[in-house]
């Protein structure tokens, strides 16, 4: 039966960040960028699933009794395989600038504040987190096509927002392409939709679609709207003369 003091092949213990002389028990890291934890219940080593933080930085949850901490995976691996950090330095991902690549041979110590040096050299600056990976995301990529379909079918943005427990501004940002623009829309951009006879059926309405089209045509011809009634549209020139 495996013993927590016996590390799995190719693994090294995790060193306490605040005290390089202390090893965190039942935790280990491998050179390929993987963290492990010894499960006392199943008496075996299991992989720790990393969490993506701001900027794409990977963090893992370390448990010691009742104490739980989230530590940077890159720093833990570099300390285990290359020793403690020199004074004033932090891990640098190079030649692969992706923060998700935490292999030991892709990590270097660099002065604090130059952690983006690898991205600058490669010219491949990763985009900021968006969509499902954003830490404040409520909607998912599967929701976006359905939201567009509902709006095109005549459902208002406020009604859609109520169904997804978000504010109407969030739905409007989706519809107008300010957010979630990376999700393709085969039908093209969404413009203002004509709601049809429902607007004319409103008791307070004083317009119908024929009058609206006449107003638009008059304005496009160079006039400005002065008055209107149910049968005619009167215009005046933009200079103010009748």
Foldseek 3Di string as FASTA:
>chain_A
DADQVDDDPQWFFFADLVDNVDTQTQWIAHLQQWIWGQDPVVRGIDTFDWAQDWPRFTWTWDDDPPDIDIDTSLQRNQCRPPNHADPQWDWAFPCDRHNSRSRNVRIDIDGPPCNCVNCVVVVPRDDGDAAPSPPPDQDHLVVLVVLLVVVQVQDQLCVVCVVSVHHSVVSVCSLQVVGPVVNDDVVDHDDDDDNPCVQVPPPPDQDDVVVVVVQVVQVVVAWHFDDDHHPDTDTDHPVPHD
